[in-house]
Amino acid sequence: MRYKSGISEEDMPHIWERYYKGKQSETGTGLGLFICKFIIESHGGKIWAESEVGKGTSFMFTLPVE
């Protein structure tokens, strides 16, 4: 998933928090990334984001193979 605007350095530490909506967010509930993280970590995986303002944000995750 890639968003064009990017996430500010100020917002990045908080994006996984329940109900957190970034300073530039106009829509949403602030639950999406919280839920994604919960599900992925519940299955033993890891999720992270890399972002650059003006260029975009990439979300990546890994899940263990059993």
Protein backbone atom coordinates (compact mmCIF):
# COMPACT_ATOMS: atom_id res chain seq x y z
CA MET A 1 0.00 0.00 0.00
CA ARG A 2 1.42 3.41 -0.87
CA TYR A 3 0.14 6.90 -0.03
CA LYS A 4 1.43 9.88 -2.01
CA SER A 5 1.58 12.50 0.73
CA GLY A 6 3.82 10.69 3.20
CA ILE A 7 3.69 10.74 6.99
CA SER A 8 5.48 13.43 8.94
CA GLU A 9 8.31 12.57 11.34
CA GLU A 10 6.12 13.97 14.11
CA ASP A 11 3.31 11.49 13.34
CA MET A 12 5.43 8.38 12.63
CA PRO A 13 5.94 7.28 16.28
CA HIS A 14 2.16 7.33 16.82
CA ILE A 15 0.72 5.71 13.69
CA TRP A 16 0.20 2.32 15.42
CA GLU A 17 -1.75 3.82 18.35
CA ARG A 18 -5.49 3.20 18.65
CA TYR A 19 -7.57 6.15 17.39
CA TYR A 20 -4.50 8.13 16.30
CA LYS A 21 -5.14 10.23 13.23
CA GLY A 22 -2.28 12.21 11.75
CA LYS A 23 -2.29 15.97 11.75
CA GLN A 24 -3.11 16.01 8.01
CA SER A 25 -5.77 13.28 8.15
CA GLU A 26 -9.19 14.33 6.91
CA THR A 27 -10.95 10.97 7.11
CA GLY A 28 -10.83 7.67 8.95
CA THR A 29 -11.20 6.50 12.52
CA GLY A 30 -7.58 5.94 13.48
CA LEU A 31 -8.16 2.19 13.85
CA GLY A 32 -6.84 0.72 10.58
CA LEU A 33 -3.12 0.51 11.32
CA PHE A 34 -3.80 -0.42 14.95
CA ILE A 35 -5.90 -3.39 13.79
CA CYS A 36 -3.35 -4.41 11.14
CA LYS A 37 -0.57 -4.43 13.71
CA PHE A 38 -2.65 -6.42 16.18
CA ILE A 39 -3.53 -9.10 13.62
CA ILE A 40 -0.03 -9.42 12.17
CA GLU A 41 1.66 -9.56 15.59
CA SER A 42 -0.96 -12.05 16.81
CA HIS A 43 0.28 -14.37 14.07
CA GLY A 44 3.93 -13.89 15.03
CA GLY A 45 4.68 -11.34 12.34
CA LYS A 46 6.11 -7.86 12.19
CA ILE A 47 4.81 -4.71 10.47
CA TRP A 48 6.62 -1.45 9.80
CA ALA A 49 6.39 1.69 7.72
CA GLU A 50 8.87 3.78 5.78
CA SER A 51 7.81 7.29 4.84
CA GLU A 52 9.09 10.43 3.21
CA VAL A 53 6.91 13.52 3.18
CA GLY A 54 6.06 14.50 -0.38
CA LYS A 55 7.08 11.10 -1.77
CA GLY A 56 4.86 8.63 0.07
CA THR A 57 4.64 5.86 2.61
CA SER A 58 5.22 2.13 2.24
CA PHE A 59 3.88 -0.42 4.71
CA MET A 60 5.61 -3.79 4.85
CA PHE A 61 5.02 -6.89 6.94
CA THR A 62 6.36 -10.37 7.46
CA LEU A 63 4.62 -13.51 8.70
CA PRO A 64 6.35 -16.69 9.84
CA VAL A 65 6.09 -19.82 7.71
CA GLU A 66 5.26 -22.93 9.67
